[in-house]
Amino acid sequence: MSKNMLTTKEATLIHDLLLYEESACKKARLYSKTVTDSKLSEAMNKLADCHQKRFNALLGLL
């Protein structure tokens, strides 16, 4: 097996993590648009950005 090849178990785990990060990002973006407090909205957007970065990093592993 090549050094850069993922096992089936690793690929499945990354897939599951991608789903989690995507869901968390979408929820945080939705919450940022529905709350009335601007500071809370900004915090939700920052949280969504963090989940997006994790999603992109995980995607890069595939």
Protein backbone atom coordinates (compact mmCIF):
# COMPACT_ATOMS: atom_id res chain seq x y z
CA MET A 1 0.00 0.00 0.00
CA SER A 2 1.25 3.46 -0.88
CA LYS A 3 2.18 5.80 1.95
CA ASN A 4 -0.52 8.31 0.92
CA MET A 5 -3.34 5.80 0.49
CA LEU A 6 -6.22 5.86 2.95
CA THR A 7 -7.73 2.70 4.32
CA THR A 8 -11.45 2.14 3.92
CA LYS A 9 -11.90 2.82 7.62
CA GLU A 10 -10.02 6.13 7.40
CA ALA A 11 -11.99 7.23 4.32
CA THR A 12 -15.25 6.38 6.08
CA LEU A 13 -14.20 8.35 9.15
CA ILE A 14 -13.25 11.37 7.04
CA HIS A 15 -16.58 11.12 5.22
CA ASP A 16 -18.45 11.11 8.53
CA LEU A 17 -16.44 14.10 9.76
CA LEU A 18 -17.16 15.96 6.52
CA LEU A 19 -20.88 15.46 7.07
CA TYR A 20 -20.59 16.72 10.66
CA GLU A 21 -18.57 19.81 9.71
CA GLU A 22 -20.92 20.64 6.82
CA SER A 23 -23.96 20.36 9.07
CA ALA A 24 -22.39 22.44 11.85
CA CYS A 25 -21.36 25.13 9.37
CA LYS A 26 -24.85 25.34 7.86
CA LYS A 27 -26.50 25.54 11.28
CA ALA A 28 -24.15 28.27 12.48
CA ARG A 29 -24.78 30.29 9.30
CA LEU A 30 -28.54 29.86 9.73
CA TYR A 31 -28.36 30.92 13.39
CA SER A 32 -26.25 33.95 12.46
CA LYS A 33 -29.06 35.11 10.16
CA THR A 34 -31.88 34.50 12.62
CA VAL A 35 -30.54 36.01 15.84
CA THR A 36 -31.17 39.68 16.51
CA ASP A 37 -28.05 40.35 18.58
CA SER A 38 -25.27 41.53 16.24
CA LYS A 39 -22.47 40.24 18.50
CA LEU A 40 -24.05 36.81 18.66
CA SER A 41 -24.53 36.87 14.89
CA GLU A 42 -20.85 37.70 14.42
CA ALA A 43 -19.86 34.88 16.79
CA MET A 44 -22.01 32.41 14.83
CA ASN A 45 -20.36 33.52 11.59
CA LYS A 46 -16.91 33.00 13.10
CA LEU A 47 -17.97 29.56 14.27
CA ALA A 48 -19.26 28.75 10.79
CA ASP A 49 -15.93 29.89 9.32
CA CYS A 50 -14.08 27.51 11.66
CA HIS A 51 -16.25 24.59 10.58
CA GLN A 52 -15.74 25.56 6.93
CA LYS A 53 -11.95 25.53 7.41
CA ARG A 54 -12.12 22.09 9.01
CA PHE A 55 -14.34 20.86 6.19
CA ASN A 56 -11.87 22.11 3.59
CA ALA A 57 -8.91 20.56 5.42
CA LEU A 58 -10.67 17.19 5.63
CA LEU A 59 -11.66 17.40 1.97
CA GLY A 60 -8.01 17.96 1.14
CA LEU A 61 -7.17 14.59 2.65
CA LEU A 62 -9.27 12.73 0.12
